[in-house]
Amino acid sequence: MPRKYSKSASRTVAGAMRRRQKGTLRSGPGGKGGKVKTRAQALAIGISEARKKGKKVPPRRSRKSGSRKKS
């Protein structure tokens, strides 16, 4: 079975995890959202960064159009 994520994508995610441990990883556009607290948030940021760099990462899960509640 082929890899879902490339090795370089894994390195990008690992870098984000290290920045979280160091305390320099920030959320939001331009890092204006404050410090990242959780490991899951750091992982999501790392995957997002890898995706922006064009690495081999699965596409974002799209929301089903009919599942939203109509008001």
PDB file of N, CA and C in Angstrom:
ATOM      1  N   MET A   1       0.840  -1.186   0.000  1.00  0.00           N
ATOM      2  CA  MET A   1       0.000   0.000   0.000  1.00  0.00           C
ATOM      3  C   MET A   1       0.887   1.252   0.000  1.00  0.00           C
ATOM      4  N   PRO A   2       0.621   2.199  -0.880  1.00  0.00           N
ATOM      5  CA  PRO A   2       1.463   3.402  -0.935  1.00  0.00           C
ATOM      6  C   PRO A   2       1.267   4.302   0.286  1.00  0.00           C
ATOM      7  N   ARG A   3       2.276   5.126   0.526  1.00  0.00           N
ATOM      8  CA  ARG A   3       2.221   6.056   1.664  1.00  0.00           C
ATOM      9  C   ARG A   3       1.178   7.135   1.427  1.00  0.00           C
ATOM     10  N   LYS A   4       0.483   7.525   2.499  1.00  0.00           N
ATOM     11  CA  LYS A   4      -0.486   8.625   2.396  1.00  0.00           C
ATOM     12  C   LYS A   4       0.235   9.966   2.433  1.00  0.00           C
ATOM     13  N   TYR A   5       1.302  10.018   3.222  1.00  0.00           N
ATOM     14  CA  TYR A   5       2.062  11.259   3.389  1.00  0.00           C
ATOM     15  C   TYR A   5       3.491  11.016   2.928  1.00  0.00           C
ATOM     16  N   SER A   6       4.107  11.997   2.289  1.00  0.00           N
ATOM     17  CA  SER A   6       5.502  11.851   1.864  1.00  0.00           C
ATOM     18  C   SER A   6       6.422  12.044   3.070  1.00  0.00           C
ATOM     19  N   LYS A   7       7.665  11.613   2.914  1.00  0.00           N
ATOM     20  CA  LYS A   7       8.634  11.767   4.003  1.00  0.00           C
ATOM     21  C   LYS A   7       8.894  13.240   4.294  1.00  0.00           C
ATOM     22  N   SER A   8       8.916  14.050   3.231  1.00  0.00           N
ATOM     23  CA  SER A   8       9.164  15.483   3.440  1.00  0.00           C
ATOM     24  C   SER A   8       7.989  16.138   4.168  1.00  0.00           C
ATOM     25  N   ALA A   9       6.771  15.627   3.942  1.00  0.00           N
ATOM     26  CA  ALA A   9       5.606  16.138   4.668  1.00  0.00           C
ATOM     27  C   ALA A   9       5.727  15.789   6.151  1.00  0.00           C
ATOM     28  N   SER A  10       6.240  14.582   6.424  1.00  0.00           N
ATOM     29  CA  SER A  10       6.446  14.159   7.812  1.00  0.00           C
ATOM     30  C   SER A  10       7.446  15.071   8.508  1.00  0.00           C
ATOM     31  N   ARG A  11       8.482  15.479   7.769  1.00  0.00           N
ATOM     32  CA  ARG A  11       9.487  16.376   8.345  1.00  0.00           C
ATOM     33  C   ARG A  11       8.885  17.751   8.639  1.00  0.00           C
ATOM     34  N   THR A  12       7.994  18.212   7.771  1.00  0.00           N
ATOM     35  CA  THR A  12       7.332  19.504   7.989  1.00  0.00           C
ATOM     36  C   THR A  12       6.482  19.446   9.255  1.00  0.00           C
ATOM     37  N   VAL A  13       5.755  18.335   9.424  1.00  0.00           N
ATOM     38  CA  VAL A  13       4.913  18.154  10.611  1.00  0.00           C
ATOM     39  C   VAL A  13       5.789  18.054  11.860  1.00  0.00           C
ATOM     40  N   ALA A  14       6.894  17.328  11.761  1.00  0.00           N
ATOM     41  CA  ALA A  14       7.808  17.187  12.901  1.00  0.00           C
ATOM     42  C   ALA A  14       8.362  18.548  13.314  1.00  0.00           C
ATOM     43  N   GLY A  15       8.631  19.397  12.336  1.00  0.00           N
ATOM     44  CA  GLY A  15       9.119  20.752  12.624  1.00  0.00           C
ATOM     45  C   GLY A  15       8.087  21.564  13.386  1.00  0.00           C
ATOM     46  N   ALA A  16       6.820  21.408  13.011  1.00  0.00           N
ATOM     47  CA  ALA A  16       5.741  22.112  13.714  1.00  0.00           C
ATOM     48  C   ALA A  16       5.634  21.610  15.155  1.00  0.00           C
ATOM     49  N   MET A  17       5.817  20.307  15.342  1.00  0.00           N
ATOM     50  CA  MET A  17       5.749  19.734  16.692  1.00  0.00           C
ATOM     51  C   MET A  17       6.897  20.268  17.561  1.00  0.00           C
ATOM     52  N   ARG A  18       8.075  20.393  16.957  1.00  0.00           N
ATOM     53  CA  ARG A  18       9.222  20.943  17.705  1.00  0.00           C
ATOM     54  C   ARG A  18       8.970  22.401  18.078  1.00  0.00           C
ATOM     55  N   ARG A  19       8.393  23.168  17.150  1.00  0.00           N
ATOM     56  CA  ARG A  19       8.088  24.574  17.440  1.00  0.00           C
ATOM     57  C   ARG A  19       7.055  24.682  18.558  1.00  0.00           C
ATOM     58  N   ARG A  20       6.126  23.724  18.633  1.00  0.00           N
ATOM     59  CA  ARG A  20       5.136  23.729  19.714  1.00  0.00           C
ATOM     60  C   ARG A  20       5.830  23.479  21.061  1.00  0.00           C
ATOM     61  N   GLN A  21       6.739  22.501  21.073  1.00  0.00           N
ATOM     62  CA  GLN A  21       7.454  22.186  22.312  1.00  0.00           C
ATOM     63  C   GLN A  21       8.284  23.375  22.783  1.00  0.00           C
ATOM     64  N   LYS A  22       8.859  24.074  21.820  1.00  0.00           N
ATOM     65  CA  LYS A  22       9.680  25.243  22.130  1.00  0.00           C
ATOM     66  C   LYS A  22       8.822  26.419  22.588  1.00  0.00           C
ATOM     67  N   GLY A  23       7.555  26.437  22.149  1.00  0.00           N
ATOM     68  CA  GLY A  23       6.644  27.514  22.534  1.00  0.00           C
ATOM     69  C   GLY A  23       6.546  28.626  21.511  1.00  0.00           C
ATOM     70  N   THR A  24       7.055  28.375  20.279  1.00  0.00           N
ATOM     71  CA  THR A  24       7.028  29.426  19.262  1.00  0.00           C
ATOM     72  C   THR A  24       5.952  29.211  18.198  1.00  0.00           C
ATOM     73  N   LEU A  25       5.251  28.077  18.252  1.00  0.00           N
ATOM     74  CA  LEU A  25       4.207  27.806  17.253  1.00  0.00           C
ATOM     75  C   LEU A  25       2.947  28.570  17.623  1.00  0.00           C
ATOM     76  N   ARG A  26       2.428  29.336  16.659  1.00  0.00           N
ATOM     77  CA  ARG A  26       1.244  30.150  16.898  1.00  0.00           C
ATOM     78  C   ARG A  26       0.181  29.826  15.866  1.00  0.00           C
ATOM     79  N   SER A  27      -1.070  29.990  16.260  1.00  0.00           N
ATOM     80  CA  SER A  27      -2.183  29.664  15.371  1.00  0.00           C
ATOM     81  C   SER A  27      -2.711  30.907  14.675  1.00  0.00           C
ATOM     82  N   GLY A  28      -3.555  30.681  13.701  1.00  0.00           N
ATOM     83  CA  GLY A  28      -4.213  31.781  13.002  1.00  0.00           C
ATOM     84  C   GLY A  28      -3.364  32.366  11.894  1.00  0.00           C
ATOM     85  N   PRO A  29      -3.986  33.196  11.038  1.00  0.00           N
ATOM     86  CA  PRO A  29      -3.241  33.803   9.939  1.00  0.00           C
ATOM     87  C   PRO A  29      -2.177  34.773  10.463  1.00  0.00           C
ATOM     88  N   GLY A  30      -0.948  34.545  10.064  1.00  0.00           N
ATOM     89  CA  GLY A  30       0.146  35.415  10.504  1.00  0.00           C
ATOM     90  C   GLY A  30       0.521  35.216  11.958  1.00  0.00           C
ATOM     91  N   GLY A  31       0.059  34.131  12.594  1.00  0.00           N
ATOM     92  CA  GLY A  31       0.384  33.849  13.988  1.00  0.00           C
ATOM     93  C   GLY A  31      -0.295  34.768  14.981  1.00  0.00           C
ATOM     94  N   LYS A  32      -1.426  35.352  14.578  1.00  0.00           N
ATOM     95  CA  LYS A  32      -2.116  36.304  15.454  1.00  0.00           C
ATOM     96  C   LYS A  32      -3.131  35.640  16.385  1.00  0.00           C
ATOM     97  N   GLY A  33      -3.245  34.311  16.304  1.00  0.00           N
ATOM     98  CA  GLY A  33      -4.249  33.618  17.114  1.00  0.00           C
ATOM     99  C   GLY A  33      -3.757  33.177  18.477  1.00  0.00           C
ATOM    100  N   GLY A  34      -2.515  33.406  18.792  1.00  0.00           N
ATOM    101  CA  GLY A  34      -1.987  33.020  20.098  1.00  0.00           C
ATOM    102  C   GLY A  34      -1.239  31.701  20.041  1.00  0.00           C
ATOM    103  N   LYS A  35      -0.663  31.308  21.186  1.00  0.00           N
ATOM    104  CA  LYS A  35       0.131  30.091  21.267  1.00  0.00           C
ATOM    105  C   LYS A  35      -0.735  28.858  21.060  1.00  0.00           C
ATOM    106  N   VAL A  36      -0.145  27.847  20.437  1.00  0.00           N
ATOM    107  CA  VAL A  36      -0.823  26.570  20.241  1.00  0.00           C
ATOM    108  C   VAL A  36      -0.672  25.773  21.524  1.00  0.00           C
ATOM    109  N   LYS A  37      -1.776  25.262  22.043  1.00  0.00           N
ATOM    110  CA  LYS A  37      -1.747  24.543  23.320  1.00  0.00           C
ATOM    111  C   LYS A  37      -1.706  23.026  23.123  1.00  0.00           C
ATOM    112  N   THR A  38      -2.487  22.521  22.179  1.00  0.00           N
ATOM    113  CA  THR A  38      -2.643  21.071  22.075  1.00  0.00           C
ATOM    114  C   THR A  38      -1.783  20.465  20.976  1.00  0.00           C
ATOM    115  N   ARG A  39      -1.466  19.200  21.183  1.00  0.00           N
ATOM    116  CA  ARG A  39      -0.694  18.416  20.216  1.00  0.00           C
ATOM    117  C   ARG A  39      -1.469  18.263  18.906  1.00  0.00           C
ATOM    118  N   ALA A  40      -2.782  18.053  19.008  1.00  0.00           N
ATOM    119  CA  ALA A  40      -3.625  17.870  17.822  1.00  0.00           C
ATOM    120  C   ALA A  40      -3.632  19.128  16.959  1.00  0.00           C
ATOM    121  N   GLN A  41      -3.645  20.284  17.606  1.00  0.00           N
ATOM    122  CA  GLN A  41      -3.634  21.556  16.885  1.00  0.00           C
ATOM    123  C   GLN A  41      -2.295  21.728  16.156  1.00  0.00           C
ATOM    124  N   ALA A  42      -1.204  21.352  16.820  1.00  0.00           N
ATOM    125  CA  ALA A  42       0.123  21.446  16.210  1.00  0.00           C
ATOM    126  C   ALA A  42       0.222  20.516  15.003  1.00  0.00           C
ATOM    127  N   LEU A  43      -0.342  19.327  15.119  1.00  0.00           N
ATOM    128  CA  LEU A  43      -0.353  18.362  14.025  1.00  0.00           C
ATOM    129  C   LEU A  43      -1.118  18.911  12.830  1.00  0.00           C
ATOM    130  N   ALA A  44      -2.278  19.501  13.096  1.00  0.00           N
ATOM    131  CA  ALA A  44      -3.107  20.076  12.031  1.00  0.00           C
ATOM    132  C   ALA A  44      -2.374  21.215  11.321  1.00  0.00           C
ATOM    133  N   ILE A  45      -1.665  22.045  12.081  1.00  0.00           N
ATOM    134  CA  ILE A  45      -0.913  23.156  11.491  1.00  0.00           C
ATOM    135  C   ILE A  45       0.221  22.613  10.620  1.00  0.00           C
ATOM    136  N   GLY A  46       0.910  21.585  11.104  1.00  0.00           N
ATOM    137  CA  GLY A  46       2.001  20.974  10.345  1.00  0.00           C
ATOM    138  C   GLY A  46       1.521  20.389   9.025  1.00  0.00           C
ATOM    139  N   ILE A  47       0.387  19.704   9.045  1.00  0.00           N
ATOM    140  CA  ILE A  47      -0.181  19.116   7.829  1.00  0.00           C
ATOM    141  C   ILE A  47      -0.602  20.221   6.871  1.00  0.00           C
ATOM    142  N   SER A  48      -1.196  21.277   7.416  1.00  0.00           N
ATOM    143  CA  SER A  48      -1.630  22.407   6.597  1.00  0.00           C
ATOM    144  C   SER A  48      -0.434  23.085   5.919  1.00  0.00           C
ATOM    145  N   GLU A  49       0.662  23.252   6.664  1.00  0.00           N
ATOM    146  CA  GLU A  49       1.879  23.858   6.105  1.00  0.00           C
ATOM    147  C   GLU A  49       2.452  22.981   4.990  1.00  0.00           C
ATOM    148  N   ALA A  50       2.450  21.658   5.210  1.00  0.00           N
ATOM    149  CA  ALA A  50       2.952  20.725   4.197  1.00  0.00           C
ATOM    150  C   ALA A  50       2.096  20.810   2.935  1.00  0.00           C
ATOM    151  N   ARG A  51       0.811  20.944   3.121  1.00  0.00           N
ATOM    152  CA  ARG A  51      -0.119  21.046   1.987  1.00  0.00           C
ATOM    153  C   ARG A  51       0.164  22.319   1.183  1.00  0.00           C
ATOM    154  N   LYS A  52       0.420  23.427   1.897  1.00  0.00           N
ATOM    155  CA  LYS A  52       0.718  24.701   1.226  1.00  0.00           C
ATOM    156  C   LYS A  52       2.024  24.632   0.439  1.00  0.00           C
ATOM    157  N   LYS A  53       2.985  23.843   0.936  1.00  0.00           N
ATOM    158  CA  LYS A  53       4.268  23.694   0.243  1.00  0.00           C
ATOM    159  C   LYS A  53       4.169  22.737  -0.943  1.00  0.00           C
ATOM    160  N   GLY A  54       3.022  22.080  -1.101  1.00  0.00           N
ATOM    161  CA  GLY A  54       2.822  21.174  -2.233  1.00  0.00           C
ATOM    162  C   GLY A  54       3.317  19.762  -1.998  1.00  0.00           C
ATOM    163  N   LYS A  55       3.482  19.368  -0.741  1.00  0.00           N
ATOM    164  CA  LYS A  55       3.932  18.013  -0.425  1.00  0.00           C
ATOM    165  C   LYS A  55       2.786  17.026  -0.638  1.00  0.00           C
ATOM    166  N   LYS A  56       3.126  15.725  -0.627  1.00  0.00           N
ATOM    167  CA  LYS A  56       2.103  14.698  -0.821  1.00  0.00           C
ATOM    168  C   LYS A  56       1.361  14.493   0.498  1.00  0.00           C
ATOM    169  N   VAL A  57       0.173  15.072   0.571  1.00  0.00           N
ATOM    170  CA  VAL A  57      -0.680  15.010   1.758  1.00  0.00           C
ATOM    171  C   VAL A  57      -2.107  14.821   1.253  1.00  0.00           C
ATOM    172  N   PRO A  58      -2.925  13.986   1.910  1.00  0.00           N
ATOM    173  CA  PRO A  58      -4.303  13.829   1.449  1.00  0.00           C
ATOM    174  C   PRO A  58      -5.048  15.161   1.471  1.00  0.00           C
ATOM    175  N   PRO A  59      -6.018  15.354   0.563  1.00  0.00           N
ATOM    176  CA  PRO A  59      -6.764  16.620   0.552  1.00  0.00           C
ATOM    177  C   PRO A  59      -7.609  16.786   1.805  1.00  0.00           C
ATOM    178  N   ARG A  60      -7.971  18.027   2.099  1.00  0.00           N
ATOM    179  CA  ARG A  60      -8.819  18.309   3.262  1.00  0.00           C
ATOM    180  C   ARG A  60     -10.150  17.615   3.100  1.00  0.00           C
ATOM    181  N   ARG A  61     -10.712  17.152   4.210  1.00  0.00           N
ATOM    182  CA  ARG A  61     -12.040  16.532   4.154  1.00  0.00           C
ATOM    183  C   ARG A  61     -13.075  17.611   3.936  1.00  0.00           C
ATOM    184  N   SER A  62     -13.919  17.409   2.941  1.00  0.00           N
ATOM    185  CA  SER A  62     -14.949  18.409   2.671  1.00  0.00           C
ATOM    186  C   SER A  62     -16.211  18.063   3.455  1.00  0.00           C
ATOM    187  N   ARG A  63     -16.921  19.094   3.843  1.00  0.00           N
ATOM    188  CA  ARG A  63     -18.158  18.908   4.587  1.00  0.00           C
ATOM    189  C   ARG A  63     -19.274  18.567   3.607  1.00  0.00           C
ATOM    190  N   LYS A  64     -20.157  17.673   3.994  1.00  0.00           N
ATOM    191  CA  LYS A  64     -21.297  17.333   3.142  1.00  0.00           C
ATOM    192  C   LYS A  64     -22.221  18.543   3.068  1.00  0.00           C
ATOM    193  N   SER A  65     -22.710  18.862   1.874  1.00  0.00           N
ATOM    194  CA  SER A  65     -23.511  20.076   1.700  1.00  0.00           C
ATOM    195  C   SER A  65     -24.875  19.963   2.380  1.00  0.00           C
ATOM    196  N   GLY A  66     -25.429  18.769   2.488  1.00  0.00           N
ATOM    197  CA  GLY A  66     -26.766  18.621   3.062  1.00  0.00           C
ATOM    198  C   GLY A  66     -26.793  18.500   4.572  1.00  0.00           C
ATOM    199  N   SER A  67     -25.618  18.403   5.210  1.00  0.00           N
ATOM    200  CA  SER A  67     -25.583  18.153   6.648  1.00  0.00           C
ATOM    201  C   SER A  67     -25.782  19.414   7.489  1.00  0.00           C
ATOM    202  N   ARG A  68     -25.620  20.600   6.884  1.00  0.00           N
ATOM    203  CA  ARG A  68     -25.780  21.840   7.649  1.00  0.00           C
ATOM    204  C   ARG A  68     -27.244  22.119   7.895  1.00  0.00           C
ATOM    205  N   LYS A  69     -27.525  22.630   9.067  1.00  0.00           N
ATOM    206  CA  LYS A  69     -28.906  22.909   9.457  1.00  0.00           C
ATOM    207  C   LYS A  69     -29.378  24.208   8.806  1.00  0.00           C
ATOM    208  N   LYS A  70     -30.499  24.126   8.154  1.00  0.00           N
ATOM    209  CA  LYS A  70     -31.076  25.318   7.519  1.00  0.00           C
ATOM    210  C   LYS A  70     -31.927  26.061   8.547  1.00  0.00           C
ATOM    211  N   SER A  71     -31.787  27.385   8.618  1.00  0.00           N
ATOM    212  CA  SER A  71     -32.564  28.141   9.604  1.00  0.00           C
ATOM    213  C   SER A  71     -33.720  28.864   8.960  1.00  0.00           C
TER     214      SER A  71
END
